[in-house]
């Protein structure tokens, strides 16, 4: 699900050329499939599970296997061009790293919706806390969990329906 960060800082997205440079430096095979996967990943913004991205790749090139996609995503992370995020205990999501930007996440525990946020106050507070404890910040992952407005409304509707059913049952019993 593509999301945009609420950050007005200009940024440059990663490139296939940066990925090729990483592979060259580390004496790795530079294959057409790896290039194709990197290009597709950089052109498919948002937070994606391996399965979601693999399904996207299948629409572009059905000859590329899931293992190749997974290994290439891991290489993109090792190159610092992508990051693996665990919003829950079960599934990893991948997103590209954009130089000069940072954002945090709101995650709906019901439907899995992910919203990118940027707030200067949060960033400043993190810096202040690090200074207070004599830490040099190298990075962080900040995920806030809750219910999105759609899931909250659905829950409220279901609770209201349940209360109506209980009231009907209570009336029938009398």
N, C-alpha and C. Protein backbone atom coordinates (compact mmCIF):
# COMPACT_ATOMS: atom_id res chain seq x y z
N UNK A 1 0.84 -1.17 0.00
CA UNK A 1 0.00 0.00 0.00
C UNK A 1 0.89 1.23 0.00
N UNK A 2 0.99 1.96 -1.07
CA UNK A 2 1.85 3.11 -1.14
C UNK A 2 1.42 4.21 -0.18
N UNK A 3 2.39 4.74 0.52
CA UNK A 3 2.15 5.84 1.45
C UNK A 3 3.23 6.88 1.24
N UNK A 4 2.90 8.12 1.47
CA UNK A 4 3.89 9.18 1.35
C UNK A 4 4.22 9.72 2.73
N UNK A 5 5.49 10.01 2.95
CA UNK A 5 5.89 10.61 4.21
C UNK A 5 5.48 12.07 4.21
N UNK A 6 5.13 12.54 5.38
CA UNK A 6 4.76 13.94 5.52
C UNK A 6 6.01 14.72 5.89
N UNK A 7 6.93 14.78 4.97
CA UNK A 7 8.22 15.41 5.20
C UNK A 7 8.53 16.25 3.97
N UNK A 8 8.71 17.53 4.17
CA UNK A 8 8.94 18.42 3.04
C UNK A 8 10.40 18.52 2.64
N UNK A 9 11.27 17.74 3.28
CA UNK A 9 12.69 17.77 2.95
C UNK A 9 12.89 17.13 1.59
N UNK A 10 13.62 17.84 0.68
CA UNK A 10 13.87 17.23 -0.61
C UNK A 10 14.72 15.96 -0.43
N UNK A 11 14.47 14.94 -1.23
CA UNK A 11 15.22 13.71 -1.08
C UNK A 11 15.51 13.08 -2.43
N UNK A 12 16.49 12.21 -2.39
CA UNK A 12 16.87 11.47 -3.58
C UNK A 12 16.68 10.00 -3.29
N UNK A 13 15.93 9.34 -4.13
CA UNK A 13 15.71 7.91 -3.95
C UNK A 13 16.92 7.11 -4.42
N UNK A 14 17.01 5.88 -3.96
CA UNK A 14 18.12 5.03 -4.38
C UNK A 14 18.01 4.69 -5.86
N UNK A 15 19.13 4.29 -6.43
CA UNK A 15 19.16 3.99 -7.86
C UNK A 15 19.74 2.60 -8.10
N UNK A 16 19.44 2.06 -9.25
CA UNK A 16 20.01 0.78 -9.66
C UNK A 16 21.53 0.90 -9.74
N UNK A 17 22.02 2.06 -10.17
CA UNK A 17 23.46 2.27 -10.28
C UNK A 17 24.14 2.14 -8.91
N UNK A 18 23.49 2.64 -7.85
CA UNK A 18 24.05 2.49 -6.50
C UNK A 18 24.10 1.02 -6.11
N UNK A 19 23.06 0.27 -6.49
CA UNK A 19 23.02 -1.15 -6.19
C UNK A 19 24.12 -1.89 -6.95
N UNK A 20 24.32 -1.55 -8.22
CA UNK A 20 25.38 -2.17 -9.02
C UNK A 20 26.74 -1.84 -8.42
N UNK A 21 26.93 -0.61 -7.97
CA UNK A 21 28.21 -0.23 -7.34
C UNK A 21 28.45 -1.06 -6.08
N UNK A 22 27.42 -1.27 -5.28
CA UNK A 22 27.54 -2.10 -4.07
C UNK A 22 27.94 -3.53 -4.44
N UNK A 23 27.28 -4.09 -5.44
CA UNK A 23 27.59 -5.47 -5.83
C UNK A 23 29.01 -5.56 -6.41
N UNK A 24 29.42 -4.57 -7.20
CA UNK A 24 30.77 -4.55 -7.77
C UNK A 24 31.81 -4.50 -6.65
N UNK A 25 31.60 -3.59 -5.70
CA UNK A 25 32.53 -3.43 -4.57
C UNK A 25 32.66 -4.72 -3.77
N UNK A 26 31.56 -5.47 -3.66
CA UNK A 26 31.56 -6.70 -2.87
C UNK A 26 31.74 -7.95 -3.72
N UNK A 27 32.16 -7.75 -4.97
CA UNK A 27 32.47 -8.85 -5.89
C UNK A 27 31.32 -9.85 -6.02
N UNK A 28 30.12 -9.29 -6.20
CA UNK A 28 28.92 -10.11 -6.38
C UNK A 28 28.53 -10.13 -7.85
N UNK A 29 27.81 -11.17 -8.25
CA UNK A 29 27.32 -11.25 -9.62
C UNK A 29 26.25 -10.18 -9.85
N UNK A 30 26.41 -9.46 -10.94
CA UNK A 30 25.44 -8.44 -11.33
C UNK A 30 24.59 -9.05 -12.43
N UNK A 31 23.42 -9.54 -12.04
CA UNK A 31 22.57 -10.23 -13.01
C UNK A 31 21.45 -9.32 -13.48
N UNK A 32 20.89 -9.66 -14.63
CA UNK A 32 19.76 -8.91 -15.17
C UNK A 32 18.57 -9.00 -14.21
N UNK A 33 18.38 -10.17 -13.56
CA UNK A 33 17.27 -10.33 -12.63
C UNK A 33 17.42 -9.41 -11.42
N UNK A 34 18.63 -9.34 -10.87
CA UNK A 34 18.85 -8.44 -9.73
C UNK A 34 18.60 -6.99 -10.12
N UNK A 35 19.05 -6.60 -11.28
CA UNK A 35 18.80 -5.23 -11.76
C UNK A 35 17.30 -4.98 -11.89
N UNK A 36 16.60 -5.93 -12.47
CA UNK A 36 15.14 -5.79 -12.70
C UNK A 36 14.40 -5.69 -11.38
N UNK A 37 14.78 -6.50 -10.41
CA UNK A 37 14.15 -6.47 -9.08
C UNK A 37 14.40 -5.14 -8.40
N UNK A 38 15.64 -4.67 -8.44
CA UNK A 38 15.97 -3.38 -7.82
C UNK A 38 15.19 -2.25 -8.47
N UNK A 39 15.14 -2.24 -9.79
CA UNK A 39 14.39 -1.21 -10.51
C UNK A 39 12.91 -1.24 -10.12
N UNK A 40 12.34 -2.44 -10.08
CA UNK A 40 10.93 -2.58 -9.71
C UNK A 40 10.69 -2.12 -8.28
N UNK A 41 11.60 -2.46 -7.38
CA UNK A 41 11.46 -2.08 -5.98
C UNK A 41 11.50 -0.55 -5.82
N UNK A 42 12.43 0.09 -6.50
CA UNK A 42 12.57 1.54 -6.40
C UNK A 42 11.39 2.28 -7.02
N UNK A 43 10.68 1.62 -7.93
CA UNK A 43 9.52 2.23 -8.58
C UNK A 43 8.19 1.80 -7.99
N UNK A 44 8.24 1.12 -6.84
CA UNK A 44 7.03 0.61 -6.19
C UNK A 44 7.05 1.07 -4.74
N UNK A 45 6.75 2.37 -4.50
CA UNK A 45 6.90 2.94 -3.16
C UNK A 45 5.91 2.34 -2.16
N UNK A 46 6.26 2.45 -0.91
CA UNK A 46 5.40 1.97 0.16
C UNK A 46 6.10 0.92 0.99
N UNK A 47 5.33 0.20 1.75
CA UNK A 47 5.81 -0.85 2.64
C UNK A 47 5.22 -2.16 2.15
N UNK A 48 6.07 -3.08 1.77
CA UNK A 48 5.58 -4.31 1.16
C UNK A 48 6.16 -5.53 1.83
N UNK A 49 5.33 -6.54 2.02
CA UNK A 49 5.84 -7.83 2.47
C UNK A 49 6.54 -8.48 1.28
N UNK A 50 7.31 -9.51 1.57
CA UNK A 50 7.96 -10.26 0.50
C UNK A 50 6.91 -10.76 -0.49
N UNK A 51 5.83 -11.30 0.05
CA UNK A 51 4.78 -11.87 -0.82
C UNK A 51 4.14 -10.80 -1.70
N UNK A 52 3.85 -9.63 -1.12
CA UNK A 52 3.25 -8.54 -1.91
C UNK A 52 4.20 -8.10 -3.03
N UNK A 53 5.48 -7.94 -2.69
CA UNK A 53 6.42 -7.49 -3.70
C UNK A 53 6.65 -8.59 -4.75
N UNK A 54 6.70 -9.83 -4.31
CA UNK A 54 6.85 -10.94 -5.25
C UNK A 54 5.68 -10.97 -6.24
N UNK A 55 4.46 -10.78 -5.74
CA UNK A 55 3.29 -10.76 -6.63
C UNK A 55 3.39 -9.61 -7.62
N UNK A 56 3.89 -8.47 -7.16
CA UNK A 56 4.11 -7.33 -8.06
C UNK A 56 5.14 -7.71 -9.13
N UNK A 57 6.24 -8.36 -8.71
CA UNK A 57 7.27 -8.77 -9.65
C UNK A 57 6.71 -9.74 -10.70
N UNK A 58 5.80 -10.60 -10.28
CA UNK A 58 5.22 -11.57 -11.21
C UNK A 58 4.46 -10.88 -12.34
N UNK A 59 3.88 -9.71 -12.05
CA UNK A 59 3.18 -8.96 -13.10
C UNK A 59 4.16 -8.33 -14.07
N UNK A 60 5.41 -8.14 -13.62
CA UNK A 60 6.43 -7.52 -14.47
C UNK A 60 7.28 -8.55 -15.21
N UNK A 61 7.60 -9.65 -14.49
CA UNK A 61 8.46 -10.68 -15.06
C UNK A 61 8.22 -11.99 -14.33
N UNK A 62 7.40 -12.83 -14.90
CA UNK A 62 7.01 -14.08 -14.23
C UNK A 62 8.13 -15.11 -14.18
N UNK A 63 9.25 -14.85 -14.84
CA UNK A 63 10.35 -15.81 -14.83
C UNK A 63 11.22 -15.69 -13.57
N UNK A 64 11.02 -14.64 -12.77
CA UNK A 64 11.83 -14.42 -11.57
C UNK A 64 11.18 -15.12 -10.38
N UNK A 65 11.95 -15.97 -9.72
CA UNK A 65 11.44 -16.76 -8.61
C UNK A 65 11.43 -16.00 -7.29
N UNK A 66 10.65 -16.53 -6.36
CA UNK A 66 10.50 -15.88 -5.05
C UNK A 66 11.82 -15.84 -4.28
N UNK A 67 12.62 -16.89 -4.37
CA UNK A 67 13.91 -16.92 -3.67
C UNK A 67 14.83 -15.83 -4.19
N UNK A 68 14.83 -15.61 -5.49
CA UNK A 68 15.66 -14.56 -6.09
C UNK A 68 15.19 -13.19 -5.61
N UNK A 69 13.88 -12.99 -5.54
CA UNK A 69 13.32 -11.72 -5.06
C UNK A 69 13.74 -11.51 -3.60
N UNK A 70 13.58 -12.53 -2.77
CA UNK A 70 13.93 -12.43 -1.35
C UNK A 70 15.42 -12.12 -1.17
N UNK A 71 16.27 -12.85 -1.86
CA UNK A 71 17.72 -12.62 -1.73
C UNK A 71 18.11 -11.22 -2.21
N UNK A 72 17.46 -10.76 -3.25
CA UNK A 72 17.77 -9.42 -3.76
C UNK A 72 17.29 -8.34 -2.79
N UNK A 73 16.13 -8.54 -2.16
CA UNK A 73 15.67 -7.59 -1.13
C UNK A 73 16.68 -7.53 0.01
N UNK A 74 17.20 -8.68 0.41
CA UNK A 74 18.21 -8.73 1.47
C UNK A 74 19.48 -7.98 1.05
N UNK A 75 19.87 -8.12 -0.22
CA UNK A 75 21.03 -7.40 -0.73
C UNK A 75 20.78 -5.89 -0.75
N UNK A 76 19.57 -5.49 -1.13
CA UNK A 76 19.23 -4.06 -1.12
C UNK A 76 19.33 -3.50 0.30
N UNK A 77 18.92 -4.30 1.28
CA UNK A 77 19.05 -3.87 2.69
C UNK A 77 20.53 -3.78 3.07
N UNK A 78 21.32 -4.77 2.70
CA UNK A 78 22.74 -4.77 3.01
C UNK A 78 23.45 -3.57 2.37
N UNK A 79 22.96 -3.15 1.22
CA UNK A 79 23.54 -2.01 0.52
C UNK A 79 23.09 -0.68 1.12
N UNK A 80 22.13 -0.72 2.05
CA UNK A 80 21.62 0.51 2.66
C UNK A 80 20.61 1.23 1.78
N UNK A 81 20.06 0.54 0.78
CA UNK A 81 19.12 1.14 -0.15
C UNK A 81 17.68 0.79 0.18
N UNK A 82 17.51 -0.19 1.06
CA UNK A 82 16.18 -0.61 1.53
C UNK A 82 16.31 -0.94 3.01
N UNK A 83 15.18 -1.00 3.66
CA UNK A 83 15.18 -1.38 5.06
C UNK A 83 14.08 -2.40 5.30
N UNK A 84 14.37 -3.31 6.22
CA UNK A 84 13.39 -4.32 6.62
C UNK A 84 12.79 -3.87 7.94
N UNK A 85 11.48 -3.78 7.98
CA UNK A 85 10.78 -3.30 9.17
C UNK A 85 9.81 -4.37 9.63
N UNK A 86 9.80 -4.61 10.92
CA UNK A 86 8.85 -5.55 11.51
C UNK A 86 7.81 -4.73 12.28
N UNK A 87 6.67 -4.51 11.64
CA UNK A 87 5.60 -3.76 12.28
C UNK A 87 4.86 -4.64 13.29
N UNK A 88 4.89 -5.93 13.07
CA UNK A 88 4.30 -6.89 14.00
C UNK A 88 5.34 -7.98 14.21
N UNK A 89 5.02 -8.95 15.03
CA UNK A 89 5.97 -10.02 15.29
C UNK A 89 6.08 -11.02 14.15
N UNK A 90 5.18 -10.97 13.21
CA UNK A 90 5.12 -12.04 12.23
C UNK A 90 5.69 -11.72 10.86
N UNK A 91 5.43 -10.56 10.30
CA UNK A 91 5.75 -10.32 8.90
C UNK A 91 6.69 -9.12 8.73
N UNK A 92 7.74 -9.33 7.95
CA UNK A 92 8.65 -8.23 7.63
C UNK A 92 8.10 -7.46 6.45
N UNK A 93 8.27 -6.14 6.50
CA UNK A 93 7.93 -5.27 5.37
C UNK A 93 9.23 -4.62 4.90
N UNK A 94 9.27 -4.28 3.63
CA UNK A 94 10.45 -3.64 3.04
C UNK A 94 10.05 -2.30 2.46
N UNK A 95 10.92 -1.32 2.67
CA UNK A 95 10.71 -0.02 2.03
C UNK A 95 12.07 0.53 1.63
N UNK A 96 12.05 1.36 0.59
CA UNK A 96 13.32 1.94 0.14
C UNK A 96 13.76 3.04 1.09
N UNK A 97 15.07 3.23 1.15
CA UNK A 97 15.65 4.27 1.98
C UNK A 97 15.89 5.48 1.10
N UNK A 98 15.37 6.62 1.51
CA UNK A 98 15.57 7.86 0.78
C UNK A 98 16.53 8.75 1.56
N UNK A 99 17.64 9.12 0.92
CA UNK A 99 18.63 9.96 1.58
C UNK A 99 18.01 11.29 2.00
N UNK A 100 18.35 11.72 3.19
CA UNK A 100 17.90 13.03 3.66
C UNK A 100 16.50 13.05 4.22
N UNK A 101 15.84 11.91 4.32
CA UNK A 101 14.50 11.88 4.88
C UNK A 101 14.45 10.91 6.05
N UNK A 102 13.51 11.14 6.88
CA UNK A 102 13.23 10.22 7.97
C UNK A 102 11.74 10.30 8.26
N UNK A 103 11.17 9.17 8.65
CA UNK A 103 9.77 9.18 9.04
C UNK A 103 9.53 8.06 10.03
N UNK A 104 8.44 8.17 10.73
CA UNK A 104 8.00 7.15 11.65
C UNK A 104 6.70 6.57 11.10
N UNK A 105 6.10 5.64 11.83
CA UNK A 105 4.93 4.94 11.29
C UNK A 105 3.80 4.82 12.29
N UNK A 106 2.58 4.95 11.78
CA UNK A 106 1.36 4.59 12.50
C UNK A 106 0.88 3.29 11.85
N UNK A 107 0.59 2.27 12.64
CA UNK A 107 0.20 0.97 12.10
C UNK A 107 -1.10 0.52 12.73
N UNK A 108 -2.07 0.19 11.89
CA UNK A 108 -3.35 -0.32 12.37
C UNK A 108 -3.19 -1.81 12.68
N UNK A 109 -3.48 -2.19 13.92
CA UNK A 109 -3.33 -3.58 14.34
C UNK A 109 -4.44 -4.47 13.79
N UNK A 110 -5.49 -3.88 13.22
CA UNK A 110 -6.59 -4.67 12.68
C UNK A 110 -6.40 -4.96 11.20
N UNK A 111 -6.24 -3.93 10.38
CA UNK A 111 -6.18 -4.12 8.92
C UNK A 111 -4.76 -4.06 8.37
N UNK A 112 -3.80 -3.61 9.17
CA UNK A 112 -2.41 -3.54 8.72
C UNK A 112 -2.05 -2.27 7.99
N UNK A 113 -2.97 -1.31 7.90
CA UNK A 113 -2.69 -0.03 7.22
C UNK A 113 -1.48 0.62 7.89
N UNK A 114 -0.60 1.18 7.06
CA UNK A 114 0.61 1.84 7.55
C UNK A 114 0.61 3.27 7.03
N UNK A 115 0.76 4.23 7.93
CA UNK A 115 0.81 5.64 7.55
C UNK A 115 2.16 6.18 7.99
N UNK A 116 2.86 6.81 7.07
CA UNK A 116 4.14 7.43 7.40
C UNK A 116 3.88 8.81 7.98
N UNK A 117 4.60 9.13 9.03
CA UNK A 117 4.46 10.44 9.66
C UNK A 117 5.84 11.05 9.88
N UNK A 118 5.87 12.35 9.92
CA UNK A 118 7.09 13.07 10.30
C UNK A 118 6.66 14.19 11.23
N UNK A 119 7.30 14.25 12.39
CA UNK A 119 6.99 15.29 13.36
C UNK A 119 8.29 15.79 13.98
N UNK A 120 8.57 17.06 13.79
CA UNK A 120 9.82 17.64 14.32
C UNK A 120 9.92 17.50 15.83
N UNK A 121 8.77 17.59 16.51
CA UNK A 121 8.78 17.47 17.98
C UNK A 121 9.25 16.08 18.41
N UNK A 122 8.79 15.05 17.73
CA UNK A 122 9.23 13.69 18.06
C UNK A 122 10.73 13.56 17.82
N UNK A 123 11.20 14.07 16.70
CA UNK A 123 12.62 13.98 16.36
C UNK A 123 13.47 14.72 17.40
N UNK A 124 13.02 15.91 17.80
CA UNK A 124 13.78 16.69 18.79
C UNK A 124 13.78 16.00 20.14
N UNK A 125 12.64 15.44 20.53
CA UNK A 125 12.55 14.73 21.80
C UNK A 125 13.51 13.54 21.83
N UNK A 126 13.59 12.80 20.73
CA UNK A 126 14.52 11.67 20.65
C UNK A 126 15.96 12.14 20.82
N UNK A 127 16.31 13.24 20.17
CA UNK A 127 17.67 13.79 20.31
C UNK A 127 17.95 14.20 21.75
N UNK A 128 16.97 14.85 22.37
CA UNK A 128 17.13 15.28 23.77
C UNK A 128 17.31 14.09 24.70
N UNK A 129 16.55 13.04 24.50
CA UNK A 129 16.66 11.84 25.34
C UNK A 129 18.04 11.21 25.15
N UNK A 130 18.49 11.12 23.91
CA UNK A 130 19.82 10.54 23.64
C UNK A 130 20.91 11.36 24.33
N UNK A 131 20.81 12.68 24.25
CA UNK A 131 21.80 13.55 24.92
C UNK A 131 21.77 13.36 26.43
N UNK A 132 20.57 13.28 26.99
CA UNK A 132 20.40 13.10 28.43
C UNK A 132 21.13 11.85 28.92
N UNK A 133 21.10 10.78 28.13
CA UNK A 133 21.72 9.52 28.51
C UNK A 133 23.07 9.31 27.84
N UNK A 134 23.64 10.40 27.28
CA UNK A 134 24.97 10.39 26.67
C UNK A 134 25.09 9.34 25.56
N UNK A 135 24.10 9.33 24.67
CA UNK A 135 24.09 8.43 23.52
C UNK A 135 24.25 9.24 22.25
N UNK A 136 24.93 8.67 21.28
CA UNK A 136 24.97 9.22 19.94
C UNK A 136 23.99 8.42 19.10
N UNK A 137 22.94 9.07 18.63
CA UNK A 137 21.92 8.38 17.82
C UNK A 137 22.48 8.01 16.45
N UNK A 138 22.28 6.78 16.07
CA UNK A 138 22.66 6.32 14.74
C UNK A 138 21.43 6.05 13.88
N UNK A 139 20.29 5.91 14.53
CA UNK A 139 19.05 5.65 13.82
C UNK A 139 18.04 5.10 14.79
N UNK A 140 16.84 4.95 14.31
CA UNK A 140 15.79 4.38 15.15
C UNK A 140 14.61 3.97 14.30
N UNK A 141 13.75 3.16 14.90
CA UNK A 141 12.50 2.77 14.27
C UNK A 141 11.41 3.08 15.28
N UNK A 142 10.48 3.92 14.89
CA UNK A 142 9.41 4.33 15.78
C UNK A 142 8.09 3.95 15.13
N UNK A 143 7.38 3.01 15.76
CA UNK A 143 6.10 2.55 15.23
C UNK A 143 5.05 2.72 16.33
N UNK A 144 3.99 3.42 16.00
CA UNK A 144 2.87 3.60 16.92
C UNK A 144 1.74 2.68 16.46
N UNK A 145 1.22 1.86 17.37
CA UNK A 145 0.18 0.90 17.03
C UNK A 145 -1.18 1.39 17.51
N UNK A 146 -2.21 1.12 16.73
CA UNK A 146 -3.56 1.51 17.11
C UNK A 146 -4.55 1.05 16.08
N UNK A 147 -5.69 1.71 16.03
CA UNK A 147 -6.73 1.41 15.05
C UNK A 147 -6.93 2.62 14.14
N UNK A 148 -6.97 2.37 12.84
CA UNK A 148 -7.26 3.45 11.89
C UNK A 148 -8.74 3.82 12.04
N UNK A 149 -9.13 4.93 11.45
CA UNK A 149 -10.50 5.42 11.60
C UNK A 149 -11.52 4.42 11.04
N UNK A 150 -11.19 3.76 9.94
CA UNK A 150 -12.12 2.79 9.35
C UNK A 150 -12.34 1.60 10.27
N UNK A 151 -11.28 1.05 10.84
CA UNK A 151 -11.41 -0.11 11.73
C UNK A 151 -12.08 0.29 13.04
N UNK A 152 -11.79 1.49 13.52
CA UNK A 152 -12.42 1.97 14.75
C UNK A 152 -13.93 2.12 14.53
N UNK A 153 -14.33 2.65 13.39
CA UNK A 153 -15.75 2.81 13.06
C UNK A 153 -16.42 1.44 12.93
N UNK A 154 -15.75 0.50 12.29
CA UNK A 154 -16.30 -0.85 12.13
C UNK A 154 -16.48 -1.50 13.51
N UNK A 155 -15.49 -1.34 14.38
CA UNK A 155 -15.56 -1.91 15.73
C UNK A 155 -16.73 -1.30 16.49
N UNK A 156 -16.87 0.02 16.38
CA UNK A 156 -17.97 0.71 17.07
C UNK A 156 -19.32 0.22 16.56
N UNK A 157 -19.43 0.02 15.23
CA UNK A 157 -20.68 -0.50 14.64
C UNK A 157 -20.98 -1.91 15.16
N UNK A 158 -19.95 -2.75 15.22
CA UNK A 158 -20.14 -4.13 15.70
C UNK A 158 -20.54 -4.15 17.17
N UNK A 159 -19.93 -3.27 17.98
CA UNK A 159 -20.29 -3.21 19.39
C UNK A 159 -21.73 -2.73 19.56
N UNK A 160 -22.14 -1.77 18.72
CA UNK A 160 -23.51 -1.27 18.79
C UNK A 160 -24.50 -2.37 18.39
N UNK A 161 -24.18 -3.13 17.34
CA UNK A 161 -25.04 -4.25 16.92
C UNK A 161 -25.14 -5.30 18.02
N UNK A 162 -24.02 -5.60 18.68
CA UNK A 162 -24.03 -6.59 19.75
C UNK A 162 -24.89 -6.11 20.92
N UNK A 163 -24.79 -4.84 21.25
CA UNK A 163 -25.60 -4.28 22.33
C UNK A 163 -27.09 -4.35 21.97
N UNK A 164 -27.44 -4.09 20.71
CA UNK A 164 -28.83 -4.19 20.27
C UNK A 164 -29.33 -5.63 20.39
N UNK A 165 -28.50 -6.60 19.98
CA UNK A 165 -28.88 -8.01 20.08
C UNK A 165 -29.09 -8.42 21.53
N UNK A 166 -28.20 -7.96 22.41
CA UNK A 166 -28.33 -8.29 23.83
C UNK A 166 -29.60 -7.68 24.41
N UNK A 167 -29.94 -6.48 23.99
CA UNK A 167 -31.17 -5.82 24.46
C UNK A 167 -32.39 -6.60 23.98
N UNK A 168 -32.38 -7.08 22.73
CA UNK A 168 -33.49 -7.86 22.21
C UNK A 168 -33.65 -9.17 22.99
N UNK A 169 -32.53 -9.84 23.27
CA UNK A 169 -32.57 -11.08 24.03
C UNK A 169 -33.13 -10.85 25.44
N UNK A 170 -32.68 -9.78 26.06
CA UNK A 170 -33.16 -9.45 27.41
C UNK A 170 -34.64 -9.20 27.39
N UNK A 171 -35.15 -8.54 26.36
CA UNK A 171 -36.59 -8.26 26.24
C UNK A 171 -37.37 -9.55 26.01
N UNK A 172 -36.84 -10.46 25.22
CA UNK A 172 -37.50 -11.73 24.94
C UNK A 172 -37.58 -12.62 26.18
N UNK A 173 -36.56 -12.57 27.01
CA UNK A 173 -36.50 -13.41 28.21
C UNK A 173 -37.54 -12.98 29.22
N UNK A 174 -37.86 -11.70 29.28
CA UNK A 174 -38.82 -11.18 30.27
C UNK A 174 -40.16 -11.63 29.99
